[in-house]
Amino acid sequence: MSLTQRERDIVELLRAQPMLDAAGIAERLGATKAAVSVHLSNLTKKGEILGRGYVVRSEAQSVVVVGGANMDVKAHSAEPAQLHTSNPGAAVTTPGGVGRNIAENLARLGSPTHLVAPVGRDAFGEQVLAMTRAAGVAVDHMIVTEGSTGTYLAVMDATGELLVAVSNMAMTDRLTVRQLGAARDLITHADLLVVDGNVPQAPAAWLLDFAAAVQVPVVIDPVSVAKARHLVTMLSPQRPLLALTPNLDELAALVGAPVAQTRAAISRAARIVHGLGVQHVWVRRGTRGSLLSSLGDDGRVTVTLLPAPAVKVVDVTGAGDSMTAAFVHAILRGDSPADAARFGQMAAGLTVSSSETVRPDLTPRLVDAELAKAAAASTASATATRTAVPTTSRSTTPSTHRRPTKESR
C-alpha cells in the first residue's frame, strides 16, 4: 500500500529514533498527538509498523512462519542404547517445534521473521515466548490460549541418531482459521510465507488460498508421512507453492506410491508433485544428501544432486528445520534455487554437528565459509585425481559425444 507524505515522515522518524512515542512524534512534526495516533494506526494496518512499541518494518525481506511451537525434551544415551531398560545419559529442555525452529534459524541468519503459533498460558508457553523473542524472532502475533503448550520428547543414541520420539501437538492440532485471521495484514506484507506441515487442513488450506490471493510465495515443510498424506489433498495449481521439502518417505506419501532411492525414481515422483503446482521439490536423503527438482517457466525440469557435507553427527534434531530456513534465507537474498539448496544443506550439516536444536552461532558468514572450504577441498581432490591419471597424446579409441542434458551434475 502507498503511504501519505505524513506517514513517510513518521516512518523516517521511527527508523532514526524507534523509542519515540506519539507525543514525541507530534512535537517533532508540529502535529497533534491525536493526529499522530491515527497515522500510527494506519501504518500498523499497512504493515509498516509491526507489533508493539512502533517497531518499523525492516527494509530487508521479511518472512512469516506459521506452525508449531513447543518445548523439546531431548535425552541422550551415554552408551549404545538398550531397549526395554534404563540407560544412563543426560537430558536437556529447549524450545522447539518445526515452525518455531525454522523461525529462529531464519532470525539468526538475519531474515526479519514473525512467528504465528499457538502456545498455552503455562510455564512452558512463557519460556517458549521469552526464548524465541530473545533469539530475534518477532512473537507479537503468537496465539496464546488456554491449555498446555505442546511437548516433544526425543531419545537419541550415543551416536546422536534418533531412536524414538513422542510428540504432543494437540494445541497446534486445534489451530483454527479464525485464530489466524489476526495475521492477515502481516502475511499480506510478507515477502515469503513458510507453513509447517503440522498446521491442520482447514487453516492450511486458508493460508494457501490467502497467500495466492495476495501473491506471497509459500514454502511448506511436510514434517511427516502422515501430514504429507493430508497435504496432498490441498495441493493444486490454483494454490501454487514456491517449494516443498519432503524426505523420501514423505515424497512417497505425496505421490501415493513407493519411491526408490535412485535419482531416476525420485525425479519421476518430483515431476508428479510439480503437476500439483509446486515449482521446487527439494527431497532430503539423509547421509546421501538431497535432490532438488525445479520446474522452469519454460516447462523444463532441472535436477540437481547435492552431496551431504562431511560432518561428525552429534544430534540430528532440528537438521531439517535449519535446512528449510537457510534455503528460504538464501532465496530471499537472491541466490539461485540450486545455490540456496546448497546453502541449506550446509546449514543442516552445521546443525547436526552441534548439540543444539538451533545453532546459536548460525550466521550466513559461517555457512558461506563452510561452503567455500568444501568447494576448495573438492577442487583440490579433483585436481589430484586428474594428475594421478596417465595421459597419452592421442586417444586410440573413437570419442563418443553426448548431448548435454538440462540436469545439473
Protein backbone atom coordinates (compact mmCIF):
# COMPACT_ATOMS: atom_id res chain seq x y z
CA MET A 1 0.00 0.00 0.00
CA SER A 2 1.17 3.54 -0.71
CA LEU A 3 1.96 5.93 2.13
CA THR A 4 0.98 9.54 2.54
CA GLN A 5 3.75 12.09 2.96
CA ARG A 6 2.94 12.42 6.66
CA GLU A 7 3.14 8.63 7.08
CA ARG A 8 6.50 8.57 5.33
CA ASP A 9 7.72 11.32 7.68
CA ILE A 10 6.67 9.25 10.70
CA VAL A 11 8.37 6.12 9.38
CA GLU A 12 11.63 8.01 8.85
CA LEU A 13 11.46 9.41 12.37
CA LEU A 14 10.90 5.96 13.86
CA ARG A 15 13.77 4.45 11.89
CA ALA A 16 16.08 7.06 13.41
CA GLN A 17 14.51 7.09 16.88
CA PRO A 18 12.50 3.89 17.45
CA MET A 19 11.72 4.76 21.09
CA LEU A 20 9.68 7.86 20.22
CA ASP A 21 6.10 7.82 21.46
CA ALA A 22 3.11 9.55 19.82
CA ALA A 23 3.70 12.76 21.80
CA GLY A 24 7.37 12.88 20.78
CA ILE A 25 6.49 12.34 17.12
CA ALA A 26 3.82 15.05 17.28
CA GLU A 27 6.28 17.52 18.79
CA ARG A 28 8.86 16.93 16.05
CA LEU A 29 6.33 17.14 13.22
CA GLY A 30 4.36 20.06 14.58
CA ALA A 31 1.20 17.95 14.70
CA THR A 32 -1.27 16.94 17.40
CA LYS A 33 -0.88 13.73 19.37
CA ALA A 34 -4.38 12.63 18.25
CA ALA A 35 -3.47 13.07 14.57
CA VAL A 36 -0.24 11.13 15.01
CA SER A 37 -2.11 8.31 16.75
CA VAL A 38 -4.37 7.98 13.70
CA HIS A 39 -1.34 7.86 11.41
CA LEU A 40 0.29 5.22 13.61
CA SER A 41 -2.87 3.12 13.46
CA ASN A 42 -2.93 3.38 9.65
CA LEU A 43 0.76 2.46 9.43
CA THR A 44 0.10 -0.65 11.52
CA LYS A 45 -2.74 -1.69 9.21
CA LYS A 46 -0.48 -1.16 6.20
CA GLY A 47 2.20 -3.35 7.73
CA GLU A 48 4.81 -0.61 8.05
CA ILE A 49 4.76 -0.82 11.85
CA LEU A 50 4.89 -4.30 13.34
CA GLY A 51 3.81 -5.31 16.81
CA ARG A 52 4.02 -3.19 19.89
CA GLY A 53 6.39 -0.34 20.53
CA TYR A 54 6.29 1.06 16.98
CA VAL A 55 8.71 -1.50 15.54
CA VAL A 56 9.19 -0.31 11.97
CA ARG A 57 9.16 -2.92 9.22
CA SER A 58 12.68 -3.69 8.11
CA GLU A 59 13.75 -2.83 4.59
CA ALA A 60 15.16 -6.38 4.42
CA GLN A 61 12.79 -9.00 3.08
CA SER A 62 10.58 -10.47 5.78
CA VAL A 63 9.21 -13.94 6.43
CA VAL A 64 6.11 -15.12 8.26
CA VAL A 65 6.25 -18.66 9.67
CA VAL A 66 3.02 -20.41 10.69
CA GLY A 67 3.27 -23.67 12.56
CA GLY A 68 4.01 -25.39 15.82
CA ALA A 69 5.86 -24.17 18.90
CA ASN A 70 6.52 -26.47 21.80
CA MET A 71 9.03 -27.44 24.46
CA ASP A 72 11.55 -30.11 23.49
CA VAL A 73 12.88 -32.62 26.00
CA LYS A 74 15.92 -34.35 24.50
CA ALA A 75 17.58 -37.34 26.17
CA HIS A 76 20.96 -38.72 25.04
CA SER A 77 22.12 -42.21 25.96
CA ALA A 78 25.74 -42.20 27.10
CA GLU A 79 26.33 -45.65 25.58
CA PRO A 80 24.69 -47.69 22.79
CA ALA A 81 21.06 -47.72 23.88
CA GLN A 82 19.31 -50.88 25.04
CA LEU A 83 15.55 -51.13 24.69
CA HIS A 84 13.15 -52.06 27.49
CA THR A 85 15.54 -50.93 30.22
CA SER A 86 17.04 -47.82 31.77
CA ASN A 87 20.01 -46.23 30.01
CA PRO A 88 22.46 -43.81 31.64
CA GLY A 89 22.65 -40.46 29.90
CA ALA A 90 21.63 -36.82 30.09
CA ALA A 91 18.57 -34.73 29.19
CA VAL A 92 18.02 -31.09 28.24
CA THR A 93 14.93 -28.92 27.78
CA THR A 94 14.79 -26.37 24.99
CA PRO A 95 12.13 -24.56 22.90
CA GLY A 96 11.20 -26.47 19.76
CA GLY A 97 8.53 -27.12 17.19
CA VAL A 98 9.11 -27.20 13.43
CA GLY A 99 7.67 -23.74 12.77
CA ARG A 100 9.40 -22.21 15.77
CA ASN A 101 12.75 -23.77 14.89
CA ILE A 102 12.52 -22.56 11.29
CA ALA A 103 11.69 -19.06 12.56
CA GLU A 104 14.66 -18.98 14.95
CA ASN A 105 17.06 -20.23 12.27
CA LEU A 106 15.80 -17.52 9.91
CA ALA A 107 16.24 -14.83 12.55
CA ARG A 108 19.78 -15.98 13.36
CA LEU A 109 20.60 -15.86 9.64
CA GLY A 110 19.41 -12.25 9.57
CA SER A 111 15.97 -12.52 7.92
CA PRO A 112 13.31 -10.44 9.73
CA THR A 113 10.90 -13.16 10.86
CA HIS A 114 7.48 -13.30 12.51
CA LEU A 115 6.19 -16.49 14.11
CA VAL A 116 2.49 -17.30 14.29
CA ALA A 117 1.98 -20.34 16.51
CA PRO A 118 -0.21 -21.39 19.45
CA VAL A 119 1.17 -21.76 22.98
CA GLY A 120 -0.56 -22.21 26.31
CA ARG A 121 -0.77 -19.88 29.28
CA ASP A 122 1.62 -22.07 31.25
CA ALA A 123 5.28 -22.14 32.27
CA PHE A 124 6.39 -23.86 29.06
CA GLY A 125 4.48 -21.30 27.00
CA GLU A 126 6.12 -18.39 28.80
CA GLN A 127 9.56 -19.94 28.28
CA VAL A 128 8.93 -20.58 24.58
CA LEU A 129 7.83 -16.97 24.05
CA ALA A 130 10.68 -15.44 26.03
CA MET A 131 13.43 -17.54 24.49
CA THR A 132 12.09 -17.20 20.94
CA ARG A 133 11.88 -13.43 21.33
CA ALA A 134 15.43 -13.37 22.73
CA ALA A 135 16.62 -15.21 19.61
CA GLY A 136 15.39 -12.33 17.45
CA VAL A 137 12.01 -13.64 16.28
CA ALA A 138 9.00 -11.29 16.41
CA VAL A 139 6.35 -13.01 18.55
CA ASP A 140 3.67 -10.30 18.70
CA HIS A 141 1.29 -12.45 16.63
CA MET A 142 1.70 -15.62 18.68
CA ILE A 143 -1.62 -17.21 19.66
CA VAL A 144 -1.75 -17.57 23.46
CA THR A 145 -4.68 -19.70 24.61
CA GLU A 146 -5.86 -21.83 27.50
CA GLY A 147 -4.36 -25.31 27.62
CA SER A 148 -0.97 -26.93 27.74
CA THR A 149 1.88 -25.93 25.45
CA GLY A 150 2.94 -28.76 23.14
CA THR A 151 5.86 -31.02 24.01
CA TYR A 152 8.28 -33.17 22.02
CA LEU A 153 10.24 -35.93 23.76
CA ALA A 154 13.17 -37.35 21.80
CA VAL A 155 15.61 -40.10 22.77
CA MET A 156 18.95 -40.22 20.95
CA ASP A 157 21.56 -42.95 20.85
CA ALA A 158 25.16 -42.26 21.84
CA THR A 159 25.85 -41.55 18.15
CA GLY A 160 23.28 -38.73 18.09
CA GLU A 161 20.83 -40.70 15.92
CA LEU A 162 17.15 -40.51 16.87
CA LEU A 163 15.82 -43.72 18.45
CA VAL A 164 12.27 -42.71 19.28
CA ALA A 165 10.22 -39.55 19.76
CA VAL A 166 6.83 -38.78 21.25
CA SER A 167 5.09 -35.61 20.14
CA ASN A 168 2.15 -33.87 21.81
CA MET A 169 0.94 -31.23 19.32
CA ALA A 170 -2.67 -31.10 20.48
CA MET A 171 -2.63 -27.30 20.71
CA THR A 172 -1.40 -26.97 17.13
CA ASP A 173 -3.96 -29.58 16.03
CA ARG A 174 -6.70 -27.27 17.37
CA LEU A 175 -5.49 -24.24 15.38
CA THR A 176 -8.37 -22.53 13.53
CA VAL A 177 -8.81 -20.17 10.60
CA ARG A 178 -10.33 -17.64 12.96
CA GLN A 179 -7.19 -17.62 15.12
CA LEU A 180 -5.04 -16.96 12.05
CA GLY A 181 -7.26 -14.07 10.95
CA ALA A 182 -5.32 -11.60 13.11
CA ALA A 183 -2.24 -12.27 10.96
CA ARG A 184 -3.87 -11.34 7.64
CA ASP A 185 -2.13 -7.97 7.34
CA LEU A 186 1.15 -9.48 8.47
CA ILE A 187 1.03 -12.12 5.73
CA THR A 188 -0.11 -9.59 3.13
CA HIS A 189 3.08 -7.55 3.62
CA ALA A 190 5.44 -10.54 3.93
CA ASP A 191 7.91 -11.43 1.21
CA LEU A 192 7.50 -15.14 1.86
CA LEU A 193 5.29 -17.45 3.94
CA VAL A 194 6.57 -20.69 5.48
CA VAL A 195 3.94 -23.23 6.57
CA ASP A 196 4.77 -26.07 8.95
CA GLY A 197 3.02 -29.30 7.92
CA ASN A 198 1.63 -29.62 11.45
CA VAL A 199 -0.93 -26.91 10.65
CA PRO A 200 -4.36 -28.63 10.34
CA GLN A 201 -6.01 -28.95 6.94
CA ALA A 202 -8.62 -26.18 7.19
CA PRO A 203 -6.26 -23.39 8.33
CA ALA A 204 -3.53 -24.70 5.99
CA ALA A 205 -5.90 -24.51 3.03
CA TRP A 206 -6.91 -20.99 4.08
CA LEU A 207 -3.25 -19.96 4.27
CA LEU A 208 -2.57 -21.27 0.77
CA ASP A 209 -5.65 -19.57 -0.65
CA PHE A 210 -4.89 -16.28 1.08
CA ALA A 211 -1.22 -16.32 0.06
CA ALA A 212 -2.24 -16.98 -3.55
CA ALA A 213 -4.70 -14.08 -3.42
CA VAL A 214 -2.09 -11.60 -2.12
CA GLN A 215 0.69 -13.15 -4.25
CA VAL A 216 3.00 -14.15 -1.41
CA PRO A 217 5.27 -17.15 -2.23
CA VAL A 218 4.86 -20.18 0.03
CA VAL A 219 7.27 -22.87 1.22
CA ILE A 220 5.90 -25.93 3.04
CA ASP A 221 7.76 -28.47 5.16
CA PRO A 222 5.59 -31.64 5.16
CA VAL A 223 7.02 -32.72 8.59
CA SER A 224 5.91 -36.38 8.49
CA VAL A 225 4.40 -39.10 6.34
CA ALA A 226 1.00 -38.71 7.99
CA LYS A 227 0.98 -34.93 7.45
CA ALA A 228 2.16 -35.37 3.86
CA ARG A 229 -0.86 -37.59 3.10
CA HIS A 230 -3.19 -34.83 4.28
CA LEU A 231 -1.21 -32.18 2.45
CA VAL A 232 -1.57 -33.80 -0.96
CA THR A 233 -5.34 -33.23 -0.90
CA MET A 234 -4.74 -29.45 -0.72
CA LEU A 235 -2.14 -29.05 -3.44
CA SER A 236 -3.21 -27.73 -6.82
CA PRO A 237 -2.00 -25.25 -9.47
CA GLN A 238 -4.58 -22.82 -8.05
CA ARG A 239 -2.60 -22.88 -4.78
CA PRO A 240 0.94 -22.56 -6.15
CA LEU A 241 3.93 -23.31 -3.92
CA LEU A 242 7.41 -21.94 -4.34
CA ALA A 243 8.88 -25.04 -2.70
CA LEU A 244 8.05 -28.26 -0.89
CA THR A 245 10.70 -30.03 1.20
CA PRO A 246 9.84 -33.73 1.74
CA ASN A 247 12.13 -36.60 2.66
CA LEU A 248 11.87 -39.81 0.63
CA ASP A 249 9.06 -41.34 2.70
CA GLU A 250 7.06 -38.11 2.63
CA LEU A 251 7.55 -37.89 -1.14
CA ALA A 252 6.15 -41.41 -1.46
CA ALA A 253 3.11 -40.36 0.60
CA LEU A 254 2.61 -37.34 -1.67
CA VAL A 255 2.57 -39.43 -4.86
CA GLY A 256 0.78 -42.41 -3.34
CA ALA A 257 3.44 -44.99 -4.23
CA PRO A 258 6.85 -46.17 -3.01
CA VAL A 259 9.84 -44.22 -4.33
CA ALA A 260 13.16 -45.99 -4.77
CA GLN A 261 16.38 -44.40 -3.51
CA THR A 262 17.57 -43.57 -7.03
CA ARG A 263 17.89 -40.35 -8.98
CA ALA A 264 15.54 -41.55 -11.70
CA ALA A 265 12.78 -42.67 -9.30
CA ILE A 266 12.96 -39.53 -7.20
CA SER A 267 12.91 -37.33 -10.32
CA ARG A 268 9.82 -39.12 -11.66
CA ALA A 269 8.00 -38.65 -8.34
CA ALA A 270 9.04 -34.99 -8.19
CA ARG A 271 7.52 -34.42 -11.64
CA ILE A 272 4.17 -35.62 -10.29
CA VAL A 273 4.44 -33.07 -7.48
CA HIS A 274 5.32 -30.33 -9.99
CA GLY A 275 1.97 -31.09 -11.61
CA LEU A 276 0.29 -30.12 -8.34
CA GLY A 277 1.57 -26.55 -8.61
CA VAL A 278 4.93 -26.90 -6.82
CA GLN A 279 7.85 -25.13 -8.50
CA HIS A 280 10.73 -26.62 -6.48
CA VAL A 281 10.65 -30.10 -4.93
CA TRP A 282 13.63 -30.49 -2.61
CA VAL A 283 13.95 -34.11 -1.45
CA ARG A 284 16.05 -34.77 1.66
CA ARG A 285 18.01 -38.05 1.56
CA GLY A 286 19.87 -38.03 4.88
CA THR A 287 23.51 -39.04 4.55
CA ARG A 288 23.03 -39.28 0.76
CA GLY A 289 22.44 -35.53 0.58
CA SER A 290 19.44 -34.19 -1.31
CA LEU A 291 17.90 -33.80 -4.74
CA LEU A 292 16.39 -30.54 -5.99
CA SER A 293 13.91 -30.75 -8.85
CA SER A 294 12.97 -27.35 -10.28
CA LEU A 295 10.26 -26.56 -12.83
CA GLY A 296 11.22 -23.64 -15.05
CA ASP A 297 8.93 -21.11 -16.68
CA ASP A 298 9.52 -22.91 -19.99
CA GLY A 299 8.17 -26.17 -18.56
CA ARG A 300 11.57 -27.84 -18.38
CA VAL A 301 12.69 -29.62 -15.24
CA THR A 302 16.21 -29.20 -13.87
CA VAL A 303 17.51 -31.80 -11.41
CA THR A 304 20.42 -31.03 -9.08
CA LEU A 305 22.07 -33.64 -6.85
CA LEU A 306 23.64 -32.27 -3.68
CA PRO A 307 26.01 -34.39 -1.58
CA ALA A 308 25.76 -34.22 2.20
CA PRO A 309 28.62 -32.32 3.86
CA ALA A 310 31.11 -34.47 5.76
CA VAL A 311 30.44 -33.76 9.44
CA LYS A 312 30.51 -35.58 12.75
CA VAL A 313 26.92 -36.15 13.87
CA VAL A 314 26.24 -35.02 17.42
CA ASP A 315 22.45 -34.56 17.34
CA VAL A 316 20.17 -34.81 14.29
CA THR A 317 17.31 -32.88 15.94
CA GLY A 318 16.48 -29.70 14.03
CA ALA A 319 18.52 -30.51 10.92
CA GLY A 320 15.54 -30.33 8.57
CA ASP A 321 14.34 -27.10 10.16
CA SER A 322 17.69 -25.37 9.63
CA MET A 323 17.78 -26.72 6.07
CA THR A 324 14.41 -25.15 5.23
CA ALA A 325 15.22 -21.86 6.95
CA ALA A 326 18.59 -21.47 5.24
CA PHE A 327 17.06 -22.26 1.85
CA VAL A 328 14.43 -19.55 2.38
CA HIS A 329 17.04 -17.04 3.58
CA ALA A 330 19.23 -17.69 0.54
CA ILE A 331 16.30 -17.41 -1.88
CA LEU A 332 15.36 -14.04 -0.39
CA ARG A 333 18.92 -12.73 -0.67
CA GLY A 334 18.89 -13.59 -4.38
CA ASP A 335 20.63 -16.98 -4.62
CA SER A 336 19.59 -19.39 -7.37
CA PRO A 337 17.42 -22.28 -6.15
CA ALA A 338 20.35 -24.73 -6.51
CA ASP A 339 22.71 -22.45 -4.58
CA ALA A 340 20.02 -21.87 -1.96
CA ALA A 341 19.70 -25.65 -1.55
CA ARG A 342 23.48 -25.94 -1.14
CA PHE A 343 23.35 -23.20 1.48
CA GLY A 344 20.51 -25.01 3.25
CA GLN A 345 22.25 -28.36 3.20
CA MET A 346 25.42 -26.89 4.68
CA ALA A 347 23.35 -25.22 7.43
CA ALA A 348 21.87 -28.64 8.22
CA GLY A 349 25.37 -30.12 8.38
CA LEU A 350 26.44 -27.44 10.82
CA THR A 351 23.32 -28.10 12.90
CA VAL A 352 23.81 -31.87 13.26
CA SER A 353 27.41 -31.28 14.31
CA SER A 354 26.09 -29.22 17.25
CA SER A 355 24.27 -30.38 20.37
CA GLU A 356 21.76 -27.53 19.94
CA THR A 357 18.48 -27.85 18.04
CA VAL A 358 19.23 -24.39 16.60
CA ARG A 359 22.89 -23.40 16.48
CA PRO A 360 23.21 -20.09 18.37
CA ASP A 361 26.22 -19.13 16.23
CA LEU A 362 24.50 -19.79 12.89
CA THR A 363 25.20 -16.90 10.50
CA PRO A 364 25.36 -16.50 6.71
CA ARG A 365 29.10 -15.88 7.03
CA LEU A 366 29.60 -19.20 8.83
CA VAL A 367 27.59 -21.16 6.25
CA ASP A 368 29.23 -19.42 3.28
CA ALA A 369 32.69 -20.04 4.76
CA GLU A 370 31.97 -23.77 5.15
CA LEU A 371 30.67 -23.90 1.57
CA ALA A 372 33.85 -22.22 0.34
CA LYS A 373 36.00 -24.71 2.25
CA ALA A 374 34.03 -27.64 0.84
CA ALA A 375 34.34 -26.27 -2.70
CA ALA A 376 38.11 -25.76 -2.29
CA ALA A 377 38.52 -29.30 -0.97
CA SER A 378 36.51 -30.70 -3.87
CA THR A 379 38.60 -28.78 -6.40
CA ALA A 380 41.84 -29.95 -4.79
CA SER A 381 40.63 -33.56 -4.82
CA ALA A 382 39.62 -33.34 -8.48
CA THR A 383 43.00 -31.83 -9.40
CA ALA A 384 44.86 -34.58 -7.57
CA THR A 385 42.80 -37.24 -9.35
CA ARG A 386 43.48 -35.75 -12.78
CA THR A 387 47.23 -35.54 -12.03
CA ALA A 388 47.33 -39.19 -10.98
CA VAL A 389 45.73 -40.47 -14.22
CA PRO A 390 48.29 -41.16 -17.02
CA THR A 391 47.52 -39.42 -20.30
CA THR A 392 48.58 -40.05 -23.90
CA SER A 393 48.98 -37.59 -26.72
CA ARG A 394 46.23 -39.22 -28.77
CA SER A 395 43.31 -41.45 -27.95
CA THR A 396 43.32 -44.88 -29.58
CA THR A 397 39.55 -45.21 -29.36
CA PRO A 398 36.91 -43.10 -31.06
CA SER A 399 35.31 -40.46 -28.85
CA THR A 400 31.62 -40.58 -28.01
CA HIS A 401 29.75 -37.30 -27.78
CA ARG A 402 26.66 -37.00 -25.66
CA ARG A 403 24.27 -34.14 -26.00
CA PRO A 404 24.34 -32.21 -22.71
CA THR A 405 21.15 -32.55 -20.68
CA LYS A 406 19.34 -29.91 -18.67
CA GLU A 407 20.13 -31.80 -15.45
CA SER A 408 22.87 -30.48 -13.22
CA ARG A 409 25.63 -32.96 -12.47
